[in-house]
Amino acid sequence: MEKEPQTSEVEEETKEPTEEAQEDFKQKYLLTLAELENMRKRMQKEKQEMIQLSVENAIAGFLPIIDSFEKALKSADQVSDEIKTWAFGFQMFLSQFREVLHNHGIVAFHSEGNVFDPHYHEAVETMQTDAYPEGTILEEFSKGYKSEKRIIRPARVKVAQTLEESTEQKDKHKENTRGE
């Protein structure tokens, strides 16, 4: 047979926790609440960042279409009046696309004349010249776009390089300097 617990043991189990234990529980409770609040805020921030990234990626798919509209409309001045009417309608489409970009904080950036930066530019062509300092962007083939936090699409550009002497010129120069 099992012994029944003595009254002193029963009293100990049902006693109120000490003040020290209560304070310890309170601190643990407050710490857990703070951790939960921090986790909630972090998850909310991550969710917003994922939504923004998704929107930016979706918009990036429309950038070639915007480029095509812009190129087509550049040549619209040299066409008949009927086609100019169509071009006006396409200009309205382009304006709506630009408004969507603006509403999502995405802007085009100008590159021509600036110094090449691999974070903002993609060099698709180089040109050797002594008319411009090395790394100067000579021509922009397609605009770059950026949001507040990242580059959506780098600008595709032509970059200046310093002139290199041809091998013939180098050989002649070496021969001339040897003979002296």
N, C-alpha and C. Protein backbone atom coordinates (compact mmCIF):
# COMPACT_ATOMS: atom_id res chain seq x y z
N MET A 1 0.81 -1.20 0.00
CA MET A 1 0.00 0.00 0.00
C MET A 1 0.85 1.27 0.00
N GLU A 2 0.30 2.24 -0.71
CA GLU A 2 1.02 3.50 -0.79
C GLU A 2 0.72 4.34 0.41
N LYS A 3 1.74 5.07 0.77
CA LYS A 3 1.54 5.99 1.89
C LYS A 3 0.85 7.24 1.39
N GLU A 4 -0.01 7.72 2.20
CA GLU A 4 -0.63 8.99 1.87
C GLU A 4 0.32 10.10 2.26
N PRO A 5 0.37 11.12 1.43
CA PRO A 5 1.30 12.19 1.74
C PRO A 5 0.96 12.84 3.07
N GLN A 6 1.98 13.20 3.74
CA GLN A 6 1.76 13.85 5.03
C GLN A 6 1.27 15.26 4.80
N THR A 7 0.64 15.78 5.79
CA THR A 7 0.02 17.10 5.65
C THR A 7 1.04 18.19 5.37
N SER A 8 2.24 18.10 5.87
CA SER A 8 3.23 19.14 5.62
C SER A 8 3.65 19.15 4.15
N GLU A 9 3.71 17.93 3.52
CA GLU A 9 4.04 17.87 2.10
C GLU A 9 2.93 18.47 1.24
N VAL A 10 1.69 18.20 1.59
CA VAL A 10 0.54 18.74 0.87
C VAL A 10 0.51 20.26 1.01
N GLU A 11 0.77 20.75 2.17
CA GLU A 11 0.77 22.20 2.38
C GLU A 11 1.85 22.87 1.54
N GLU A 12 3.04 22.23 1.43
CA GLU A 12 4.11 22.81 0.63
C GLU A 12 3.74 22.92 -0.84
N GLU A 13 3.06 21.89 -1.36
CA GLU A 13 2.69 21.88 -2.76
C GLU A 13 1.62 22.92 -3.09
N THR A 14 0.76 23.22 -2.14
CA THR A 14 -0.33 24.17 -2.39
C THR A 14 -0.01 25.58 -1.95
N LYS A 15 1.14 25.79 -1.38
CA LYS A 15 1.53 27.13 -0.94
C LYS A 15 1.70 28.05 -2.14
N GLU A 16 1.44 29.29 -1.93
CA GLU A 16 1.67 30.32 -2.93
C GLU A 16 3.17 30.41 -3.22
N PRO A 17 3.52 30.70 -4.52
CA PRO A 17 4.94 30.85 -4.82
C PRO A 17 5.50 32.05 -4.07
N THR A 18 6.75 31.98 -3.79
CA THR A 18 7.38 33.07 -3.06
C THR A 18 7.44 34.31 -3.94
N GLU A 19 7.71 35.41 -3.31
CA GLU A 19 7.81 36.67 -4.04
C GLU A 19 8.92 36.61 -5.08
N GLU A 20 10.00 35.97 -4.73
CA GLU A 20 11.13 35.83 -5.66
C GLU A 20 10.72 35.01 -6.89
N ALA A 21 9.99 33.94 -6.69
CA ALA A 21 9.54 33.10 -7.80
C ALA A 21 8.55 33.87 -8.67
N GLN A 22 7.66 34.63 -8.03
CA GLN A 22 6.69 35.43 -8.78
C GLN A 22 7.41 36.45 -9.67
N GLU A 23 8.42 37.11 -9.10
CA GLU A 23 9.18 38.10 -9.86
C GLU A 23 9.90 37.43 -11.03
N ASP A 24 10.44 36.22 -10.81
CA ASP A 24 11.12 35.48 -11.86
C ASP A 24 10.14 35.13 -12.99
N PHE A 25 8.94 34.66 -12.63
CA PHE A 25 7.92 34.35 -13.63
C PHE A 25 7.50 35.60 -14.40
N LYS A 26 7.36 36.69 -13.69
CA LYS A 26 6.97 37.95 -14.32
C LYS A 26 8.02 38.38 -15.34
N GLN A 27 9.30 38.30 -14.96
CA GLN A 27 10.39 38.68 -15.88
C GLN A 27 10.40 37.79 -17.12
N LYS A 28 10.22 36.49 -16.92
CA LYS A 28 10.18 35.56 -18.05
C LYS A 28 8.99 35.85 -18.95
N TYR A 29 7.86 36.18 -18.36
CA TYR A 29 6.66 36.52 -19.12
C TYR A 29 6.90 37.77 -19.97
N LEU A 30 7.46 38.81 -19.35
CA LEU A 30 7.73 40.06 -20.06
C LEU A 30 8.76 39.86 -21.17
N LEU A 31 9.78 39.04 -20.90
CA LEU A 31 10.78 38.75 -21.92
C LEU A 31 10.16 38.01 -23.10
N THR A 32 9.29 37.07 -22.82
CA THR A 32 8.61 36.32 -23.89
C THR A 32 7.71 37.24 -24.71
N LEU A 33 7.00 38.15 -24.04
CA LEU A 33 6.17 39.12 -24.76
C LEU A 33 7.01 40.00 -25.68
N ALA A 34 8.15 40.45 -25.17
CA ALA A 34 9.02 41.31 -25.98
C ALA A 34 9.56 40.54 -27.18
N GLU A 35 9.95 39.29 -26.98
CA GLU A 35 10.45 38.47 -28.09
C GLU A 35 9.36 38.25 -29.14
N LEU A 36 8.13 38.02 -28.69
CA LEU A 36 7.02 37.84 -29.63
C LEU A 36 6.76 39.11 -30.43
N GLU A 37 6.82 40.25 -29.77
CA GLU A 37 6.58 41.52 -30.45
C GLU A 37 7.68 41.78 -31.49
N ASN A 38 8.93 41.52 -31.11
CA ASN A 38 10.05 41.68 -32.05
C ASN A 38 9.90 40.74 -33.24
N MET A 39 9.49 39.51 -33.00
CA MET A 39 9.31 38.55 -34.08
C MET A 39 8.18 39.00 -35.00
N ARG A 40 7.11 39.52 -34.43
CA ARG A 40 5.99 40.00 -35.23
C ARG A 40 6.44 41.15 -36.13
N LYS A 41 7.19 42.09 -35.57
CA LYS A 41 7.68 43.23 -36.36
C LYS A 41 8.63 42.77 -37.46
N ARG A 42 9.54 41.84 -37.14
CA ARG A 42 10.49 41.34 -38.12
C ARG A 42 9.76 40.63 -39.25
N MET A 43 8.76 39.82 -38.91
CA MET A 43 8.00 39.11 -39.94
C MET A 43 7.22 40.08 -40.82
N GLN A 44 6.68 41.13 -40.22
CA GLN A 44 5.94 42.15 -40.99
C GLN A 44 6.89 42.86 -41.95
N LYS A 45 8.09 43.20 -41.48
CA LYS A 45 9.08 43.86 -42.34
C LYS A 45 9.50 42.94 -43.48
N GLU A 46 9.76 41.68 -43.19
CA GLU A 46 10.15 40.72 -44.22
C GLU A 46 9.04 40.53 -45.24
N LYS A 47 7.81 40.53 -44.77
CA LYS A 47 6.67 40.39 -45.68
C LYS A 47 6.60 41.59 -46.63
N GLN A 48 6.77 42.80 -46.09
CA GLN A 48 6.75 44.00 -46.93
C GLN A 48 7.88 43.97 -47.95
N GLU A 49 9.07 43.53 -47.53
CA GLU A 49 10.21 43.46 -48.44
C GLU A 49 9.95 42.44 -49.55
N MET A 50 9.35 41.31 -49.22
CA MET A 50 9.04 40.29 -50.22
C MET A 50 8.00 40.79 -51.22
N ILE A 51 7.01 41.52 -50.72
CA ILE A 51 5.99 42.09 -51.62
C ILE A 51 6.65 43.09 -52.56
N GLN A 52 7.50 43.98 -52.01
CA GLN A 52 8.17 44.99 -52.84
C GLN A 52 9.06 44.31 -53.89
N LEU A 53 9.79 43.28 -53.49
CA LEU A 53 10.66 42.56 -54.41
C LEU A 53 9.83 41.90 -55.52
N SER A 54 8.70 41.34 -55.16
CA SER A 54 7.83 40.71 -56.16
C SER A 54 7.30 41.73 -57.16
N VAL A 55 6.89 42.88 -56.66
CA VAL A 55 6.38 43.95 -57.54
C VAL A 55 7.50 44.42 -58.47
N GLU A 56 8.69 44.63 -57.91
CA GLU A 56 9.82 45.10 -58.73
C GLU A 56 10.17 44.07 -59.81
N ASN A 57 10.16 42.79 -59.45
CA ASN A 57 10.47 41.75 -60.43
C ASN A 57 9.40 41.69 -61.53
N ALA A 58 8.14 41.86 -61.15
CA ALA A 58 7.08 41.86 -62.15
C ALA A 58 7.21 43.06 -63.08
N ILE A 59 7.49 44.21 -62.52
CA ILE A 59 7.63 45.43 -63.32
C ILE A 59 8.84 45.31 -64.25
N ALA A 60 9.91 44.66 -63.80
CA ALA A 60 11.11 44.50 -64.62
C ALA A 60 10.78 43.80 -65.93
N GLY A 61 9.77 42.93 -65.92
CA GLY A 61 9.36 42.25 -67.14
C GLY A 61 8.72 43.18 -68.15
N PHE A 62 8.23 44.32 -67.71
CA PHE A 62 7.59 45.29 -68.61
C PHE A 62 8.58 46.32 -69.16
N LEU A 63 9.77 46.38 -68.63
CA LEU A 63 10.73 47.40 -69.07
C LEU A 63 11.09 47.29 -70.56
N PRO A 64 11.28 46.08 -71.11
CA PRO A 64 11.53 46.01 -72.56
C PRO A 64 10.37 46.55 -73.39
N ILE A 65 9.15 46.39 -72.91
CA ILE A 65 7.98 46.92 -73.62
C ILE A 65 8.02 48.45 -73.61
N ILE A 66 8.37 49.01 -72.46
CA ILE A 66 8.48 50.47 -72.36
C ILE A 66 9.57 50.96 -73.29
N ASP A 67 10.70 50.25 -73.34
CA ASP A 67 11.78 50.62 -74.26
C ASP A 67 11.28 50.62 -75.70
N SER A 68 10.52 49.61 -76.07
CA SER A 68 10.01 49.51 -77.44
C SER A 68 9.06 50.67 -77.76
N PHE A 69 8.18 51.01 -76.83
CA PHE A 69 7.29 52.15 -77.03
C PHE A 69 8.11 53.43 -77.26
N GLU A 70 9.12 53.65 -76.41
CA GLU A 70 9.92 54.86 -76.52
C GLU A 70 10.64 54.94 -77.87
N LYS A 71 11.22 53.82 -78.30
CA LYS A 71 11.93 53.81 -79.59
C LYS A 71 10.96 54.05 -80.75
N ALA A 72 9.79 53.43 -80.69
CA ALA A 72 8.81 53.61 -81.75
C ALA A 72 8.31 55.05 -81.81
N LEU A 73 8.10 55.65 -80.66
CA LEU A 73 7.56 57.01 -80.64
C LEU A 73 8.60 58.05 -81.05
N LYS A 74 9.88 57.73 -80.94
CA LYS A 74 10.92 58.68 -81.40
C LYS A 74 10.82 58.92 -82.90
N SER A 75 10.43 57.90 -83.63
CA SER A 75 10.35 58.05 -85.09
C SER A 75 8.95 58.45 -85.56
N ALA A 76 8.04 58.72 -84.66
CA ALA A 76 6.66 59.03 -85.03
C ALA A 76 6.51 60.41 -85.65
N ASP A 77 7.49 61.28 -85.52
CA ASP A 77 7.39 62.63 -86.09
C ASP A 77 7.47 62.63 -87.61
N GLN A 78 8.08 61.60 -88.17
CA GLN A 78 8.31 61.57 -89.61
C GLN A 78 7.31 60.68 -90.34
N VAL A 79 6.09 60.62 -89.86
CA VAL A 79 5.08 59.75 -90.47
C VAL A 79 3.83 60.56 -90.81
N SER A 80 2.87 59.88 -91.43
CA SER A 80 1.63 60.55 -91.84
C SER A 80 0.79 60.94 -90.61
N ASP A 81 -0.22 61.78 -90.86
CA ASP A 81 -1.08 62.24 -89.78
C ASP A 81 -1.87 61.10 -89.15
N GLU A 82 -2.28 60.15 -89.96
CA GLU A 82 -3.04 59.01 -89.45
C GLU A 82 -2.19 58.22 -88.44
N ILE A 83 -0.95 58.02 -88.78
CA ILE A 83 -0.06 57.27 -87.89
C ILE A 83 0.27 58.11 -86.65
N LYS A 84 0.33 59.43 -86.82
CA LYS A 84 0.56 60.30 -85.67
C LYS A 84 -0.57 60.16 -84.65
N THR A 85 -1.80 59.95 -85.15
CA THR A 85 -2.93 59.74 -84.25
C THR A 85 -2.74 58.46 -83.44
N TRP A 86 -2.28 57.41 -84.13
CA TRP A 86 -1.99 56.15 -83.43
C TRP A 86 -0.85 56.36 -82.43
N ALA A 87 0.14 57.12 -82.84
CA ALA A 87 1.29 57.37 -81.96
C ALA A 87 0.85 58.10 -80.70
N PHE A 88 -0.13 59.01 -80.85
CA PHE A 88 -0.65 59.71 -79.68
C PHE A 88 -1.27 58.72 -78.69
N GLY A 89 -2.00 57.75 -79.21
CA GLY A 89 -2.59 56.71 -78.35
C GLY A 89 -1.51 55.89 -77.66
N PHE A 90 -0.46 55.55 -78.40
CA PHE A 90 0.65 54.79 -77.80
C PHE A 90 1.39 55.64 -76.75
N GLN A 91 1.45 56.94 -77.00
CA GLN A 91 2.07 57.83 -76.02
C GLN A 91 1.28 57.80 -74.71
N MET A 92 -0.04 57.67 -74.81
CA MET A 92 -0.87 57.56 -73.61
C MET A 92 -0.57 56.26 -72.86
N PHE A 93 -0.40 55.16 -73.60
CA PHE A 93 -0.02 53.90 -72.97
C PHE A 93 1.31 54.05 -72.23
N LEU A 94 2.26 54.67 -72.90
CA LEU A 94 3.58 54.85 -72.31
C LEU A 94 3.49 55.69 -71.04
N SER A 95 2.65 56.71 -71.06
CA SER A 95 2.46 57.55 -69.88
C SER A 95 1.89 56.74 -68.72
N GLN A 96 0.97 55.84 -69.02
CA GLN A 96 0.40 55.00 -67.97
C GLN A 96 1.45 54.06 -67.39
N PHE A 97 2.28 53.49 -68.26
CA PHE A 97 3.37 52.63 -67.78
C PHE A 97 4.30 53.42 -66.85
N ARG A 98 4.65 54.62 -67.28
CA ARG A 98 5.55 55.46 -66.46
C ARG A 98 4.91 55.80 -65.12
N GLU A 99 3.61 56.02 -65.13
CA GLU A 99 2.91 56.33 -63.88
C GLU A 99 2.96 55.14 -62.92
N VAL A 100 2.79 53.94 -63.46
CA VAL A 100 2.89 52.73 -62.62
C VAL A 100 4.29 52.63 -62.02
N LEU A 101 5.31 52.88 -62.84
CA LEU A 101 6.67 52.86 -62.32
C LEU A 101 6.83 53.87 -61.19
N HIS A 102 6.36 55.08 -61.42
CA HIS A 102 6.46 56.14 -60.42
C HIS A 102 5.72 55.76 -59.12
N ASN A 103 4.55 55.20 -59.26
CA ASN A 103 3.76 54.82 -58.08
C ASN A 103 4.45 53.76 -57.23
N HIS A 104 5.30 52.98 -57.85
CA HIS A 104 6.02 51.94 -57.11
C HIS A 104 7.45 52.36 -56.77
N GLY A 105 7.75 53.63 -56.96
CA GLY A 105 9.06 54.16 -56.58
C GLY A 105 10.19 53.74 -57.48
N ILE A 106 9.87 53.42 -58.73
CA ILE A 106 10.90 53.00 -59.69
C ILE A 106 11.15 54.14 -60.66
N VAL A 107 12.42 54.51 -60.79
CA VAL A 107 12.78 55.63 -61.65
C VAL A 107 13.89 55.21 -62.62
N ALA A 108 13.87 55.84 -63.78
CA ALA A 108 14.95 55.64 -64.75
C ALA A 108 16.09 56.57 -64.35
N PHE A 109 17.33 56.15 -64.62
CA PHE A 109 18.45 57.03 -64.33
C PHE A 109 19.26 57.26 -65.60
N HIS A 110 19.81 58.47 -65.70
CA HIS A 110 20.58 58.90 -66.86
C HIS A 110 22.02 58.44 -66.71
N SER A 111 22.62 57.96 -67.79
CA SER A 111 23.98 57.43 -67.72
C SER A 111 24.97 58.14 -68.63
N GLU A 112 24.53 58.61 -69.77
CA GLU A 112 25.44 59.18 -70.76
C GLU A 112 26.22 60.35 -70.17
N GLY A 113 27.56 60.28 -70.32
CA GLY A 113 28.43 61.33 -69.79
C GLY A 113 28.92 61.04 -68.38
N ASN A 114 28.30 60.10 -67.69
CA ASN A 114 28.74 59.73 -66.35
C ASN A 114 29.88 58.73 -66.41
N VAL A 115 30.47 58.45 -65.26
CA VAL A 115 31.52 57.45 -65.17
C VAL A 115 30.88 56.07 -64.99
N PHE A 116 31.42 55.09 -65.67
CA PHE A 116 30.90 53.72 -65.61
C PHE A 116 30.96 53.20 -64.18
N ASP A 117 29.86 52.64 -63.71
CA ASP A 117 29.77 52.00 -62.39
C ASP A 117 29.12 50.65 -62.61
N PRO A 118 29.83 49.54 -62.34
CA PRO A 118 29.27 48.21 -62.63
C PRO A 118 28.00 47.89 -61.84
N HIS A 119 27.73 48.64 -60.78
CA HIS A 119 26.49 48.43 -60.04
C HIS A 119 25.28 49.01 -60.77
N TYR A 120 25.53 50.02 -61.60
CA TYR A 120 24.44 50.70 -62.31
C TYR A 120 24.44 50.46 -63.81
N HIS A 121 25.57 49.99 -64.35
CA HIS A 121 25.71 49.90 -65.80
C HIS A 121 26.19 48.52 -66.23
N GLU A 122 25.78 48.16 -67.44
CA GLU A 122 26.27 46.95 -68.10
C GLU A 122 26.94 47.41 -69.38
N ALA A 123 28.24 47.21 -69.48
CA ALA A 123 28.99 47.63 -70.67
C ALA A 123 28.76 46.60 -71.76
N VAL A 124 28.11 47.02 -72.83
CA VAL A 124 27.86 46.11 -73.96
C VAL A 124 28.79 46.43 -75.12
N GLU A 125 29.49 47.57 -75.03
CA GLU A 125 30.41 47.96 -76.08
C GLU A 125 31.44 48.92 -75.49
N THR A 126 32.65 48.86 -76.02
CA THR A 126 33.68 49.82 -75.64
C THR A 126 34.20 50.48 -76.91
N MET A 127 34.73 51.69 -76.73
CA MET A 127 35.30 52.41 -77.87
C MET A 127 36.60 53.05 -77.42
N GLN A 128 37.66 52.78 -78.16
CA GLN A 128 38.94 53.38 -77.83
C GLN A 128 38.96 54.80 -78.36
N THR A 129 39.26 55.71 -77.46
CA THR A 129 39.27 57.13 -77.82
C THR A 129 40.16 57.88 -76.85
N ASP A 130 40.70 58.98 -77.34
CA ASP A 130 41.44 59.86 -76.43
C ASP A 130 40.65 61.15 -76.19
N ALA A 131 39.44 61.21 -76.73
CA ALA A 131 38.60 62.40 -76.58
C ALA A 131 37.90 62.44 -75.22
N TYR A 132 37.78 61.30 -74.57
CA TYR A 132 37.09 61.21 -73.29
C TYR A 132 37.95 60.44 -72.31
N PRO A 133 37.83 60.72 -71.02
CA PRO A 133 38.57 59.93 -70.03
C PRO A 133 38.08 58.48 -70.01
N GLU A 134 38.97 57.57 -69.65
CA GLU A 134 38.60 56.17 -69.60
C GLU A 134 37.45 55.97 -68.60
N GLY A 135 36.49 55.14 -69.00
CA GLY A 135 35.35 54.84 -68.13
C GLY A 135 34.16 55.75 -68.32
N THR A 136 34.29 56.75 -69.18
CA THR A 136 33.17 57.66 -69.45
C THR A 136 32.15 56.93 -70.33
N ILE A 137 30.89 57.09 -69.99
CA ILE A 137 29.82 56.46 -70.78
C ILE A 137 29.53 57.35 -71.98
N LEU A 138 29.73 56.78 -73.17
CA LEU A 138 29.59 57.53 -74.41
C LEU A 138 28.17 57.47 -74.97
N GLU A 139 27.51 56.34 -74.77
CA GLU A 139 26.18 56.15 -75.33
C GLU A 139 25.39 55.21 -74.43
N GLU A 140 24.10 55.47 -74.34
CA GLU A 140 23.20 54.62 -73.56
C GLU A 140 22.28 53.89 -74.53
N PHE A 141 22.37 52.56 -74.57
CA PHE A 141 21.53 51.77 -75.47
C PHE A 141 20.15 51.50 -74.87
N SER A 142 20.10 51.25 -73.57
CA SER A 142 18.81 51.12 -72.89
C SER A 142 18.94 51.69 -71.49
N LYS A 143 17.88 52.35 -71.05
CA LYS A 143 17.88 53.01 -69.75
C LYS A 143 18.02 52.02 -68.62
N GLY A 144 18.59 52.51 -67.54
CA GLY A 144 18.63 51.75 -66.31
C GLY A 144 17.50 52.20 -65.41
N TYR A 145 17.02 51.31 -64.57
CA TYR A 145 15.94 51.63 -63.64
C TYR A 145 16.33 51.18 -62.25
N LYS A 146 15.92 51.98 -61.26
CA LYS A 146 16.23 51.63 -59.88
C LYS A 146 15.05 51.98 -58.98
N SER A 147 14.99 51.26 -57.87
CA SER A 147 14.04 51.60 -56.81
C SER A 147 14.84 52.23 -55.69
N GLU A 148 14.20 52.48 -54.60
CA GLU A 148 14.88 53.10 -53.46
C GLU A 148 16.00 52.20 -52.92
N LYS A 149 15.80 50.88 -53.01
CA LYS A 149 16.73 49.96 -52.36
C LYS A 149 17.63 49.18 -53.30
N ARG A 150 17.28 49.09 -54.59
CA ARG A 150 18.11 48.25 -55.47
C ARG A 150 17.97 48.67 -56.93
N ILE A 151 18.88 48.15 -57.73
CA ILE A 151 18.84 48.37 -59.18
C ILE A 151 17.89 47.34 -59.77
N ILE A 152 16.88 47.80 -60.50
CA ILE A 152 15.93 46.90 -61.14
C ILE A 152 16.54 46.35 -62.42
N ARG A 153 17.14 47.26 -63.20
CA ARG A 153 17.83 46.85 -64.44
C ARG A 153 18.97 47.83 -64.68
N PRO A 154 20.19 47.31 -64.86
CA PRO A 154 21.30 48.23 -65.15
C PRO A 154 21.16 48.80 -66.55
N ALA A 155 21.68 50.00 -66.73
CA ALA A 155 21.68 50.62 -68.06
C ALA A 155 22.70 49.91 -68.94
N ARG A 156 22.33 49.69 -70.19
CA ARG A 156 23.25 49.06 -71.16
C ARG A 156 23.94 50.20 -71.90
N VAL A 157 25.28 50.21 -71.84
CA VAL A 157 26.02 51.39 -72.29
C VAL A 157 27.27 51.05 -73.11
N LYS A 158 27.76 52.09 -73.82
CA LYS A 158 29.06 52.05 -74.51
C LYS A 158 30.02 52.88 -73.66
N VAL A 159 31.22 52.32 -73.40
CA VAL A 159 32.16 52.95 -72.49
C VAL A 159 33.46 53.29 -73.21
N ALA A 160 34.03 54.45 -72.87
CA ALA A 160 35.30 54.89 -73.46
C ALA A 160 36.46 54.14 -72.83
N GLN A 161 37.43 53.77 -73.69
CA GLN A 161 38.69 53.18 -73.25
C GLN A 161 39.82 54.03 -73.80
N THR A 162 40.94 54.03 -73.11
CA THR A 162 42.09 54.79 -73.63
C THR A 162 42.62 54.10 -74.88
N LEU A 163 43.17 54.91 -75.75
CA LEU A 163 43.73 54.37 -77.00
C LEU A 163 44.94 53.50 -76.70
N GLU A 164 44.99 52.36 -77.33
CA GLU A 164 46.16 51.50 -77.23
C GLU A 164 46.92 51.61 -78.53
N GLU A 165 48.21 51.68 -78.41
CA GLU A 165 49.01 51.73 -79.62
C GLU A 165 48.92 50.38 -80.32
N SER A 166 48.87 50.40 -81.62
CA SER A 166 48.86 49.14 -82.35
C SER A 166 50.23 48.49 -82.19
N THR A 167 50.31 47.20 -82.42
CA THR A 167 51.59 46.49 -82.28
C THR A 167 52.62 47.02 -83.26
N GLU A 168 52.19 47.46 -84.45
CA GLU A 168 53.11 48.05 -85.42
C GLU A 168 53.73 49.32 -84.86
N GLN A 169 52.88 50.17 -84.27
CA GLN A 169 53.37 51.42 -83.70
C GLN A 169 54.33 51.15 -82.55
N LYS A 170 54.02 50.16 -81.72
CA LYS A 170 54.89 49.81 -80.60
C LYS A 170 56.24 49.32 -81.11
N ASP A 171 56.23 48.47 -82.15
CA ASP A 171 57.48 47.96 -82.72
C ASP A 171 58.32 49.09 -83.29
N LYS A 172 57.68 50.01 -84.04
CA LYS A 172 58.40 51.15 -84.61
C LYS A 172 59.00 52.01 -83.50
N HIS A 173 58.23 52.21 -82.44
CA HIS A 173 58.69 53.02 -81.33
C HIS A 173 59.91 52.36 -80.67
N LYS A 174 59.88 51.04 -80.50
CA LYS A 174 61.01 50.31 -79.91
C LYS A 174 62.23 50.42 -80.80
N GLU A 175 62.06 50.27 -82.13
CA GLU A 175 63.18 50.37 -83.07
C GLU A 175 63.79 51.77 -83.03
N ASN A 176 62.92 52.78 -82.97
CA ASN A 176 63.42 54.15 -82.94
C ASN A 176 64.19 54.43 -81.67
N THR A 177 63.74 53.90 -80.55
CA THR A 177 64.43 54.15 -79.29
C THR A 177 65.72 53.37 -79.19
N ARG A 178 65.85 52.22 -79.86
CA ARG A 178 67.09 51.43 -79.86
C ARG A 178 68.18 52.12 -80.66
N GLY A 179 67.78 52.70 -81.75
CA GLY A 179 68.75 53.33 -82.63
C GLY A 179 69.34 54.60 -82.05
N GLU A 180 68.72 55.16 -81.07
CA GLU A 180 69.20 56.44 -80.50
C GLU A 180 70.31 56.25 -79.54
